[in-house]
Amino acid sequence: MTVELISEPEWAGLRKCSRRTLQRERSKRIGPPYIQLGKKIFYRVTAIEEWLLTQEQIQPRAHNITK
């Protein structure tokens, strides 16, 4: 079994956000699950994909306005 991991700086780069944003999300428990090895933080690619799917929002339909 192979688990693909990306580092915290890599994930921040992909999201175009700061590492501090990721740290804040972890403390609020609103980001994807993570793995801590020593002092370093890693994310499983599949966990990120699953988390992203939970963030998906459906666009509400526009009301038809007839004149």
C-alpha atoms as a PDB file:
ATOM      1  CA  MET A   1       0.000   0.000   0.000  1.00  0.00           C
ATOM      2  CA  THR A   2       1.341   3.391  -1.001  1.00  0.00           C
ATOM      3  CA  VAL A   3       0.121   6.568   0.652  1.00  0.00           C
ATOM      4  CA  GLU A   4       0.803   9.796  -1.200  1.00  0.00           C
ATOM      5  CA  LEU A   5       1.592  12.652   1.173  1.00  0.00           C
ATOM      6  CA  ILE A   6       2.212  16.321   0.550  1.00  0.00           C
ATOM      7  CA  SER A   7       3.876  18.661   2.999  1.00  0.00           C
ATOM      8  CA  GLU A   8       2.274  21.669   4.635  1.00  0.00           C
ATOM      9  CA  PRO A   9       4.216  24.136   2.422  1.00  0.00           C
ATOM     10  CA  GLU A  10       3.155  22.189  -0.696  1.00  0.00           C
ATOM     11  CA  TRP A  11      -0.520  22.247   0.339  1.00  0.00           C
ATOM     12  CA  ALA A  12      -0.315  25.971   1.141  1.00  0.00           C
ATOM     13  CA  GLY A  13       1.209  26.573  -2.297  1.00  0.00           C
ATOM     14  CA  LEU A  14      -1.502  24.595  -4.068  1.00  0.00           C
ATOM     15  CA  ARG A  15      -4.184  26.535  -2.195  1.00  0.00           C
ATOM     16  CA  LYS A  16      -2.343  29.824  -2.664  1.00  0.00           C
ATOM     17  CA  CYS A  17      -2.641  30.575   1.040  1.00  0.00           C
ATOM     18  CA  SER A  18      -0.184  30.962   3.888  1.00  0.00           C
ATOM     19  CA  ARG A  19       0.977  28.230   6.221  1.00  0.00           C
ATOM     20  CA  ARG A  20      -0.572  30.313   8.993  1.00  0.00           C
ATOM     21  CA  THR A  21      -3.984  29.867   7.343  1.00  0.00           C
ATOM     22  CA  LEU A  22      -3.510  26.098   7.437  1.00  0.00           C
ATOM     23  CA  GLN A  23      -2.438  26.268  11.085  1.00  0.00           C
ATOM     24  CA  ARG A  24      -5.527  28.314  11.935  1.00  0.00           C
ATOM     25  CA  GLU A  25      -7.775  25.810  10.128  1.00  0.00           C
ATOM     26  CA  ARG A  26      -6.189  22.931  12.038  1.00  0.00           C
ATOM     27  CA  SER A  27      -6.739  24.678  15.366  1.00  0.00           C
ATOM     28  CA  LYS A  28     -10.402  25.296  14.445  1.00  0.00           C
ATOM     29  CA  ARG A  29     -10.711  21.775  13.025  1.00  0.00           C
ATOM     30  CA  ILE A  30     -12.110  23.037   9.722  1.00  0.00           C
ATOM     31  CA  GLY A  31      -9.389  21.874   7.321  1.00  0.00           C
ATOM     32  CA  PRO A  32      -8.615  18.441   5.929  1.00  0.00           C
ATOM     33  CA  PRO A  33      -7.236  15.709   8.198  1.00  0.00           C
ATOM     34  CA  TYR A  34      -3.468  15.803   8.627  1.00  0.00           C
ATOM     35  CA  ILE A  35      -0.573  13.683   9.852  1.00  0.00           C
ATOM     36  CA  GLN A  36       2.079  15.024  12.178  1.00  0.00           C
ATOM     37  CA  LEU A  37       5.481  13.344  12.018  1.00  0.00           C
ATOM     38  CA  GLY A  38       7.728  14.960  14.566  1.00  0.00           C
ATOM     39  CA  LYS A  39       7.264  18.694  14.046  1.00  0.00           C
ATOM     40  CA  LYS A  40       6.288  18.398  10.388  1.00  0.00           C
ATOM     41  CA  ILE A  41       2.740  18.333   9.040  1.00  0.00           C
ATOM     42  CA  PHE A  42       1.670  16.253   6.049  1.00  0.00           C
ATOM     43  CA  TYR A  43      -1.632  15.739   4.274  1.00  0.00           C
ATOM     44  CA  ARG A  44      -2.814  12.616   2.465  1.00  0.00           C
ATOM     45  CA  VAL A  45      -3.765  13.501  -1.098  1.00  0.00           C
ATOM     46  CA  THR A  46      -6.904  11.344  -0.854  1.00  0.00           C
ATOM     47  CA  ALA A  47      -7.909  13.102   2.396  1.00  0.00           C
ATOM     48  CA  ILE A  48      -7.549  16.467   0.673  1.00  0.00           C
ATOM     49  CA  GLU A  49      -9.687  15.272  -2.251  1.00  0.00           C
ATOM     50  CA  GLU A  50     -12.390  14.014   0.130  1.00  0.00           C
ATOM     51  CA  TRP A  51     -12.305  17.271   2.114  1.00  0.00           C
ATOM     52  CA  LEU A  52     -12.588  19.332  -1.069  1.00  0.00           C
ATOM     53  CA  LEU A  53     -15.692  17.376  -2.079  1.00  0.00           C
ATOM     54  CA  THR A  54     -17.310  18.219   1.269  1.00  0.00           C
ATOM     55  CA  GLN A  55     -16.632  21.911   0.571  1.00  0.00           C
ATOM     56  CA  GLU A  56     -18.489  21.798  -2.738  1.00  0.00           C
ATOM     57  CA  GLN A  57     -21.566  23.994  -2.838  1.00  0.00           C
ATOM     58  CA  ILE A  58     -24.437  23.760  -5.266  1.00  0.00           C
ATOM     59  CA  GLN A  59     -25.323  26.992  -7.013  1.00  0.00           C
ATOM     60  CA  PRO A  60     -28.957  27.916  -6.286  1.00  0.00           C
ATOM     61  CA  ARG A  61     -31.174  28.277  -9.305  1.00  0.00           C
ATOM     62  CA  ALA A  62     -32.110  31.769 -10.316  1.00  0.00           C
ATOM     63  CA  HIS A  63     -35.804  32.602 -10.036  1.00  0.00           C
ATOM     64  CA  ASN A  64     -37.558  33.216 -13.316  1.00  0.00           C
ATOM     65  CA  ILE A  65     -38.768  36.770 -13.405  1.00  0.00           C
ATOM     66  CA  THR A  66     -41.419  37.351 -16.013  1.00  0.00           C
ATOM     67  CA  LYS A  67     -42.346  40.810 -17.167  1.00  0.00           C
END
